[in-house]
Each structure stands twice: as structure tokens, then as C-alpha cells.
Amino acid sequence: MTTEQQVEDWVSGYDRILAEVGETGRRLTREEIQDRRTLGERAADAGIPLRTLVGRHLAVTREHWPASASTPAAVDGVLAAVEQSVDAFASGYERAQRMAVRQEEAARREFIDDLLYGRSDLGRIAERAERFGLLLSHAHAVAVAVGPEPYDETDPVPQLVERALTGRFGERSILVTTKDGRLICVAPADQDEVLLYFAKQAHAATDGGQVAVGRPHPGAGGVVQSYEEALNALDLAERLGLDEPVVRSADLLVYPVLTRDRQAIADLVTSVLGPLTQARGGAEPLLDTLIAYFDAGCVAAQAARDLSLSVRALTYRLARIHRMTGHNPADPLHRYTLQTAVLGARLAGWPGAPL
């Protein structure tokens, strides 16, 4: 069936309505209005543009204008029927479009949930992915952005970020979405510039939110793995107080190693840093001193500035730590043990939380 024939089907019966209205001056019946709405829904499902269909209604109105509609009152009655018919038809058309959009959104959300959680057959996920522009036969990486508030796909922030990416890179096998209040970007592994640009845009759109980037992995299962790595990187950044706008899971691989044996880390922190709890004011001020000292590359002057202390006061604290723990922060042989214990304490939230 040609498009012209399809269009004629969607205006079927409209000429009869015009003729009857011209003779009687009546309004459309409830059944006729419902019929027009149904035709509009079917036309939308068939993919016929609304502009074409409205144009055809107007053309039929001109072709089949009732000869009896010669008085102002009769003309007004026919125009009212035209208005009712087109309005009912457009109402049905728009309803079908809204339903289609909701169904597409539901399918997209189901796919994203399955993709990021790996809850469905990976082969099936890969097939569905092509519908949303992803070729999961290639390796992909995932970036996750967190802001001061949770976001969903209807919020302006993710829409702004998505427009920025598609405006610069086009579709290009990129998926931008939200999950659990965070912004997500899935991109091919060989297009690192996409994730960097996403990070830049998300950081700005979320008023300084942090972005984590997982490592690239192949296949549908690789997307899940990269997503989990990005989430873990965000968690580590929060626990360690890292304030860099972008953190990469590849740069934080040592930390999961440290936390893999929690009992060993707890023993290390207790044995190395435990004596600091006996200090006046508790362990926290001296632990903060070690953190600043190691973060400054063991440069006392820089650490003192970061803590708003004099170099003499900082040196006194380091000497006190040496006396209490038996480990000298300035000695390379002791420094590794101390620094590992400090990292373990930061990851465990010690001394604020029990080990």
C-alpha cells in the first residue's frame, strides 16, 4: 500500500461528516470523535507525519465543502466540525506518540539496568544494545559522575551533558544516562576523549561534582566491570578525601589490594598507629599530620603550610610520632610501613570508626 493510499485511509469518513454537518448543522457525535481519535492513533503507529495528515484533512475540507453551507451560520457550523475532527484526530495521534515514548523509555531503562548490573543473558544484552547505539563486540569504558543531588533522565543536568556530548561527537556509539542518582557515560574504549569531555561537562554541570572513570573491558560483561570499577573509585575517593575532579580506577588499584584482607589491615593499623591514641587530644591530630606529610611528598615545609603550622611545630609532631610508634616518618625504611598503615586507617575511617 502506498503512502497516498494510507493517508486516504486516515481521513476515511471525514467527507461524510462534512456533508451531514452542512445539511443539519449538527456537531460531531461522541462516537465520531472517538473514531477520529482512533484513526489518529493508528496513523501515528504507521509513522505518517502529523503535518501530512492535517494537510490532507484541510484538502478534503476544500474538496468536499458542502454546497448547502452558504449562510454565515452554516459556514460557522462546518468550520466547527472541521475543528472538532482535526482536534480529535491530533489528540489520538499525540496520545499514541506519548505511549510510544513511554514504552521506549521503559525499554531503555530496562536495558540500562540489565547492562549495568549484568542481570540478563549477555548475548541478549549485546543484541539489544545495537538499538541504543552500542556495539558491545568492542571494548567499552564507563564514567560515573556524582553531584550534590541525585539526578534522573528528566532533569536538566543530564540533558545538558548529553546535548554537549552529542553536539561535539554526534551519536558515535555513546550512551549517556542516569543510574541511582548518578550520571553515567558508556563510550568505546578507543575514544577516551569522549569520557574526558563527559567528565569536563559533568563536573561543570553538577557544580564541581566528581567523576570516576573505569578501565576499558570487552563485551557486555566488560561494561558491568568498568561501571563497578568507577563506583569503587568514587567510594575510595570519598574515603580517602581525594578532591580531584576526575579519578581513574587504574590509578587506584593499590587500594583494593590493601582492603582485600581487612583483618591484616586492622592488625597493621592497630600495631603501628594504635599508640597514638594515648596522645593528649587523641590520635586524630597526629594522624592528620602524617597524612599531610605524606601527601606533601614528605616535604616538611609544604606539610606545615597545609596544616597552618610552623615547620618547627610540624617537626615536633613528627618526632613525637616517632617516639610513640617507634617508626620514624623521615626514615625510608620506616616510611613505607607508616604510610601503608595511614592508608589503611583512612580507608577504614580510623580512629573515628572501630577497626
Protein backbone atom coordinates (compact mmCIF):
# COMPACT_ATOMS: atom_id res chain seq x y z
CA MET A 1 0.00 0.00 0.00
CA THR A 2 1.39 3.41 -0.99
CA THR A 3 1.73 6.34 1.40
CA GLU A 4 -1.01 8.19 -0.53
CA GLN A 5 -3.40 5.29 -0.02
CA GLN A 6 -2.52 5.16 3.67
CA VAL A 7 -3.24 8.87 4.07
CA GLU A 8 -6.64 8.39 2.45
CA ASP A 9 -7.42 5.64 4.96
CA TRP A 10 -6.80 8.04 7.86
CA VAL A 11 -9.36 10.58 6.54
CA SER A 12 -11.93 7.90 5.77
CA GLY A 13 -15.45 9.08 6.59
CA TYR A 14 -14.46 12.68 7.03
CA ASP A 15 -16.18 13.78 3.80
CA ARG A 16 -19.41 12.18 5.03
CA ILE A 17 -19.21 14.13 8.27
CA LEU A 18 -18.78 17.38 6.35
CA ALA A 19 -21.81 16.61 4.16
CA GLU A 20 -24.08 15.81 7.12
CA VAL A 21 -22.93 18.83 9.10
CA GLY A 22 -23.62 21.05 6.10
CA GLU A 23 -27.17 19.75 5.84
CA THR A 24 -28.13 19.62 9.52
CA GLY A 25 -25.70 21.98 11.27
CA ARG A 26 -25.10 19.35 13.93
CA ARG A 27 -21.91 18.81 15.93
CA LEU A 28 -19.87 15.62 15.83
CA THR A 29 -21.25 12.75 17.89
CA ARG A 30 -19.29 11.11 20.68
CA GLU A 31 -18.79 8.04 18.51
CA GLU A 32 -17.46 10.13 15.62
CA ILE A 33 -15.00 11.93 17.87
CA GLN A 34 -13.76 8.60 19.23
CA ASP A 35 -13.42 7.25 15.70
CA ARG A 36 -11.30 10.27 14.75
CA ARG A 37 -9.08 9.70 17.81
CA THR A 38 -8.66 6.03 16.94
CA LEU A 39 -7.68 6.92 13.38
CA GLY A 40 -5.14 9.39 14.76
CA GLU A 41 -3.60 6.70 17.00
CA ARG A 42 -3.32 4.27 14.09
CA ALA A 43 -1.81 6.90 11.84
CA ALA A 44 0.85 7.64 14.48
CA ASP A 45 1.63 3.92 14.79
CA ALA A 46 2.01 3.79 11.00
CA GLY A 47 4.56 6.59 11.12
CA ILE A 48 2.64 9.07 8.94
CA PRO A 49 3.72 12.67 9.78
CA LEU A 50 1.01 14.68 11.54
CA ARG A 51 1.69 17.63 9.27
CA THR A 52 0.80 15.49 6.24
CA LEU A 53 -2.39 14.25 7.86
CA VAL A 54 -3.60 17.70 8.92
CA GLY A 55 -2.86 18.96 5.43
CA ARG A 56 -4.95 16.14 3.96
CA HIS A 57 -7.87 17.00 6.29
CA LEU A 58 -7.76 20.60 5.06
CA ALA A 59 -7.57 19.44 1.44
CA VAL A 60 -10.63 17.21 1.91
CA THR A 61 -12.43 20.11 3.56
CA ARG A 62 -11.80 22.22 0.47
CA GLU A 63 -12.72 19.41 -1.95
CA HIS A 64 -15.91 18.40 -0.15
CA TRP A 65 -17.16 21.69 1.17
CA PRO A 66 -20.95 21.29 1.47
CA ALA A 67 -22.86 23.25 -1.14
CA SER A 68 -25.57 23.81 1.44
CA ALA A 69 -23.17 25.74 3.68
CA SER A 70 -23.90 29.10 2.11
CA THR A 71 -25.02 31.18 5.07
CA PRO A 72 -22.69 32.55 7.77
CA ALA A 73 -24.29 30.27 10.35
CA ALA A 74 -23.84 27.20 8.13
CA VAL A 75 -20.23 28.11 7.36
CA ASP A 76 -19.55 28.53 11.07
CA GLY A 77 -21.08 25.10 11.76
CA VAL A 78 -18.90 23.38 9.16
CA LEU A 79 -15.75 25.12 10.46
CA ALA A 80 -16.66 24.00 13.98
CA ALA A 81 -16.93 20.40 12.70
CA VAL A 82 -13.54 20.74 10.97
CA GLU A 83 -12.06 21.96 14.23
CA GLN A 84 -13.60 19.08 16.20
CA SER A 85 -12.43 16.49 13.67
CA VAL A 86 -8.85 17.71 13.41
CA ASP A 87 -8.60 18.22 17.17
CA ALA A 88 -9.83 14.68 17.89
CA PHE A 89 -7.52 13.22 15.25
CA ALA A 90 -4.49 15.12 16.60
CA SER A 91 -5.42 14.14 20.16
CA GLY A 92 -5.33 10.45 19.23
CA TYR A 93 -2.11 10.93 17.30
CA GLU A 94 -0.40 12.65 20.24
CA ARG A 95 -1.65 10.02 22.68
CA ALA A 96 -0.12 7.27 20.57
CA GLN A 97 3.15 9.18 20.42
CA ARG A 98 3.21 9.63 24.20
CA MET A 99 2.58 5.92 24.65
CA ALA A 100 5.39 5.12 22.22
CA VAL A 101 7.76 7.44 24.06
CA ARG A 102 6.88 5.87 27.42
CA GLN A 103 7.37 2.40 26.01
CA GLU A 104 10.73 3.44 24.54
CA GLU A 105 11.76 4.99 27.86
CA ALA A 106 10.74 1.82 29.71
CA ALA A 107 12.69 -0.34 27.25
CA ARG A 108 15.71 1.96 27.55
CA ARG A 109 15.58 1.90 31.36
CA GLU A 110 15.24 -1.90 31.42
CA PHE A 111 18.20 -2.21 29.05
CA ILE A 112 20.35 0.14 31.14
CA ASP A 113 19.53 -1.76 34.33
CA ASP A 114 20.39 -5.07 32.67
CA LEU A 115 23.54 -3.61 31.09
CA LEU A 116 24.98 -2.09 34.26
CA TYR A 117 24.01 -4.93 36.57
CA GLY A 118 24.54 -7.83 34.15
CA ARG A 119 21.24 -9.37 35.23
CA SER A 120 20.29 -10.72 31.80
CA ASP A 121 21.86 -13.02 29.23
CA LEU A 122 24.95 -11.22 27.94
CA GLY A 123 24.29 -12.29 24.35
CA ARG A 124 20.77 -10.88 24.54
CA ILE A 125 22.08 -7.64 26.04
CA ALA A 126 24.53 -7.29 23.17
CA GLU A 127 21.68 -7.69 20.66
CA ARG A 128 19.53 -5.08 22.40
CA ALA A 129 22.50 -2.72 22.72
CA GLU A 130 22.58 -2.04 18.97
CA ARG A 131 19.12 -0.47 19.25
CA PHE A 132 20.65 2.12 21.58
CA GLY A 133 23.80 2.72 19.54
CA LEU A 134 26.27 0.45 21.33
CA LEU A 135 28.35 -2.27 19.67
CA LEU A 136 29.31 -4.46 22.60
CA SER A 137 31.59 -6.61 20.47
CA HIS A 138 34.08 -3.77 21.08
CA ALA A 139 35.64 -2.80 24.40
CA HIS A 140 33.96 0.00 26.36
CA ALA A 141 34.71 2.09 29.41
CA VAL A 142 32.29 3.73 31.82
CA ALA A 143 32.47 7.10 33.55
CA VAL A 144 30.28 7.91 36.56
CA ALA A 145 29.65 11.43 37.86
CA VAL A 146 28.19 12.30 41.23
CA GLY A 147 26.81 15.72 42.14
CA PRO A 148 25.38 17.46 45.19
CA GLU A 149 21.94 15.96 44.47
CA PRO A 150 20.58 12.86 42.74
CA TYR A 151 19.59 13.10 39.05
CA ASP A 152 17.30 11.22 36.70
CA GLU A 153 16.99 11.43 32.93
CA THR A 154 14.25 14.09 33.08
CA ASP A 155 16.45 16.56 35.00
CA PRO A 156 18.15 19.45 33.17
CA VAL A 157 21.68 18.44 34.24
CA PRO A 158 21.91 15.06 32.42
CA GLN A 159 20.10 16.53 29.42
CA LEU A 160 22.61 19.40 29.28
CA VAL A 161 25.55 16.99 29.45
CA GLU A 162 24.07 14.70 26.79
CA ARG A 163 23.44 17.62 24.41
CA ALA A 164 27.03 18.77 24.88
CA LEU A 165 28.39 15.32 24.01
CA THR A 166 26.15 14.68 21.01
CA GLY A 167 26.77 18.23 19.80
CA ARG A 168 30.52 17.58 19.74
CA PHE A 169 30.77 13.89 18.88
CA GLY A 170 27.40 13.03 17.34
CA GLU A 171 25.89 9.67 18.30
CA ARG A 172 29.22 7.85 17.89
CA SER A 173 28.17 4.80 19.93
CA ILE A 174 27.82 6.85 23.11
CA LEU A 175 25.25 6.17 25.83
CA VAL A 176 24.54 8.89 28.39
CA THR A 177 22.07 8.05 31.13
CA THR A 178 21.50 8.09 34.88
CA LYS A 179 21.53 5.36 37.50
CA ASP A 180 20.87 5.64 41.23
CA GLY A 181 21.07 9.43 41.02
CA ARG A 182 24.42 9.47 39.21
CA LEU A 183 25.30 10.46 35.65
CA ILE A 184 26.64 7.62 33.51
CA CYS A 185 28.52 7.65 30.21
CA VAL A 186 29.40 4.48 28.28
CA ALA A 187 31.82 5.01 25.40
CA PRO A 188 34.11 2.91 23.19
CA ALA A 189 37.48 2.24 24.75
CA ASP A 190 39.36 3.79 21.82
CA GLN A 191 37.54 7.11 22.28
CA ASP A 192 38.99 8.28 25.57
CA GLU A 193 38.34 11.89 24.53
CA VAL A 194 34.61 11.21 24.87
CA LEU A 195 34.89 10.23 28.53
CA LEU A 196 37.23 13.15 29.26
CA TYR A 197 34.78 15.56 27.66
CA PHE A 198 31.93 13.94 29.60
CA ALA A 199 33.94 14.40 32.80
CA LYS A 200 34.53 18.07 31.99
CA GLN A 201 30.87 18.74 31.19
CA ALA A 202 29.55 16.74 34.15
CA HIS A 203 31.95 18.45 36.57
CA ALA A 204 30.71 21.85 35.40
CA ALA A 205 27.01 20.93 35.20
CA THR A 206 26.99 19.43 38.72
CA ASP A 207 28.71 22.47 40.26
CA GLY A 208 32.00 20.71 40.89
CA GLY A 209 30.85 17.11 41.14
CA GLN A 210 33.44 14.35 40.97
CA VAL A 211 33.79 11.92 38.07
CA ALA A 212 35.33 8.44 38.15
CA VAL A 213 36.41 6.51 35.07
CA GLY A 214 36.58 2.72 34.99
CA ARG A 215 39.07 0.75 32.93
CA PRO A 216 38.06 -0.46 29.45
CA HIS A 217 36.88 -4.06 29.12
CA PRO A 218 35.43 -6.05 26.21
CA GLY A 219 31.87 -7.28 25.82
CA ALA A 220 28.67 -6.69 27.75
CA GLY A 221 30.26 -8.07 30.92
CA GLY A 222 33.07 -5.57 30.45
CA VAL A 223 30.63 -2.68 30.75
CA VAL A 224 29.45 -4.03 34.11
CA GLN A 225 33.05 -4.42 35.29
CA SER A 226 34.05 -0.91 34.19
CA TYR A 227 30.93 0.54 35.84
CA GLU A 228 31.69 -1.21 39.14
CA GLU A 229 35.29 -0.01 38.99
CA ALA A 230 34.11 3.58 38.54
CA LEU A 231 31.73 3.23 41.52
CA ASN A 232 34.52 1.78 43.65
CA ALA A 233 36.81 4.64 42.61
CA LEU A 234 34.21 7.18 43.75
CA ASP A 235 33.88 5.37 47.08
CA LEU A 236 37.65 5.28 47.56
CA ALA A 237 37.95 8.96 46.66
CA GLU A 238 35.38 9.84 49.30
CA ARG A 239 37.01 7.69 51.98
CA LEU A 240 40.49 9.00 51.18
CA GLY A 241 39.37 12.63 50.85
CA LEU A 242 40.59 12.86 47.26
CA ASP A 243 39.25 16.09 45.76
CA GLU A 244 40.48 15.70 42.17
CA PRO A 245 37.64 16.39 39.71
CA VAL A 246 38.45 13.18 37.80
CA VAL A 247 39.72 9.95 39.35
CA ARG A 248 40.64 6.87 37.32
CA SER A 249 40.24 3.40 38.73
CA ALA A 250 43.51 2.42 37.05
CA ASP A 251 45.33 4.89 39.32
CA LEU A 252 43.75 3.45 42.49
CA LEU A 253 44.44 -0.25 42.02
CA VAL A 254 46.67 -0.40 45.08
CA TYR A 255 43.80 0.45 47.42
CA PRO A 256 41.64 -2.61 46.71
CA VAL A 257 44.76 -4.67 47.39
CA LEU A 258 45.07 -3.03 50.78
CA THR A 259 41.42 -3.62 51.67
CA ARG A 260 41.26 -7.21 50.41
CA ASP A 261 42.48 -8.58 53.75
CA ARG A 262 40.65 -6.39 56.26
CA GLN A 263 41.97 -8.28 59.27
CA ALA A 264 45.57 -7.79 58.17
CA ILE A 265 45.00 -4.05 57.66
CA ALA A 266 43.27 -3.79 61.04
CA ASP A 267 46.24 -5.51 62.70
CA LEU A 268 48.67 -3.20 60.89
CA VAL A 269 46.82 -0.03 61.90
CA THR A 270 46.44 -1.19 65.50
CA SER A 271 50.06 -2.22 65.93
CA VAL A 272 51.64 0.75 64.13
CA LEU A 273 49.29 3.63 64.84
CA GLY A 274 47.48 2.34 67.94
CA PRO A 275 49.95 4.01 70.36
CA LEU A 276 48.86 7.42 69.02
CA THR A 277 45.53 7.03 70.84
CA GLN A 278 47.43 7.67 74.06
CA ALA A 279 48.39 11.17 72.97
CA ARG A 280 46.66 14.14 74.55
CA GLY A 281 43.86 15.05 72.15
CA GLY A 282 43.77 11.52 70.73
CA ALA A 283 45.25 10.02 67.60
CA GLU A 284 43.49 12.18 65.04
CA PRO A 285 45.75 15.31 65.13
CA LEU A 286 48.88 13.19 64.76
CA LEU A 287 47.27 11.05 62.04
CA ASP A 288 46.35 14.24 60.16
CA THR A 289 49.99 15.29 60.49
CA LEU A 290 51.16 12.07 58.86
CA ILE A 291 48.54 12.39 56.09
CA ALA A 292 49.65 15.94 55.28
CA TYR A 293 53.33 14.96 55.43
CA PHE A 294 52.91 12.03 53.02
CA ASP A 295 50.58 13.98 50.72
CA ALA A 296 53.22 16.70 50.50
CA GLY A 297 55.83 14.20 49.34
CA CYS A 298 57.48 14.24 52.78
CA VAL A 299 58.37 17.91 52.36
CA ALA A 300 58.02 19.36 55.86
CA ALA A 301 57.63 22.98 54.74
CA GLN A 302 54.73 22.15 52.41
CA ALA A 303 53.03 19.94 55.00
CA ALA A 304 53.36 22.70 57.60
CA ARG A 305 51.69 25.18 55.25
CA ASP A 306 48.87 22.74 54.54
CA LEU A 307 48.27 22.33 58.27
CA SER A 308 48.76 26.04 59.04
CA LEU A 309 51.65 25.17 61.36
CA SER A 310 55.21 26.34 61.65
CA VAL A 311 57.86 23.98 60.37
CA ARG A 312 59.13 23.69 63.93
CA ALA A 313 55.71 22.61 65.21
CA LEU A 314 55.40 20.05 62.43
CA THR A 315 58.87 18.67 63.13
CA TYR A 316 57.94 18.37 66.81
CA ARG A 317 54.84 16.36 65.92
CA LEU A 318 56.82 14.03 63.65
CA ALA A 319 59.35 13.45 66.42
CA ARG A 320 56.50 12.71 68.83
CA ILE A 321 55.05 10.16 66.40
CA HIS A 322 58.49 8.56 66.19
CA ARG A 323 58.73 8.28 69.97
CA MET A 324 55.21 6.86 70.39
CA THR A 325 55.18 4.37 67.50
CA GLY A 326 58.85 3.54 67.14
CA HIS A 327 58.61 4.39 63.43
CA ASN A 328 60.44 7.42 62.08
CA PRO A 329 58.49 9.15 59.24
CA ALA A 330 61.76 10.60 57.91
CA ASP A 331 63.41 7.17 57.64
CA PRO A 332 62.77 5.50 54.26
CA LEU A 333 62.77 2.05 55.91
CA HIS A 334 60.04 3.08 58.37
CA ARG A 335 58.16 5.34 55.97
CA TYR A 336 56.59 2.57 53.89
CA THR A 337 55.16 0.83 56.98
CA LEU A 338 53.81 4.10 58.35
CA GLN A 339 52.34 5.21 55.03
CA THR A 340 50.64 1.84 54.46
CA ALA A 341 49.17 1.98 57.96
CA VAL A 342 47.96 5.54 57.32
CA LEU A 343 46.27 4.46 54.08
CA GLY A 344 44.62 1.58 55.91
CA ALA A 345 43.39 3.95 58.62
CA ARG A 346 41.93 6.32 56.04
CA LEU A 347 40.16 3.51 54.22
CA ALA A 348 38.76 2.14 57.47
CA GLY A 349 37.78 5.55 58.85
CA TRP A 350 40.01 5.03 61.90
CA PRO A 351 40.12 6.38 64.58
CA GLY A 352 36.55 7.63 64.14
CA ALA A 353 35.31 4.11 63.41
CA PRO A 354 36.42 0.95 65.20
CA LEU A 355 38.59 -1.47 63.24
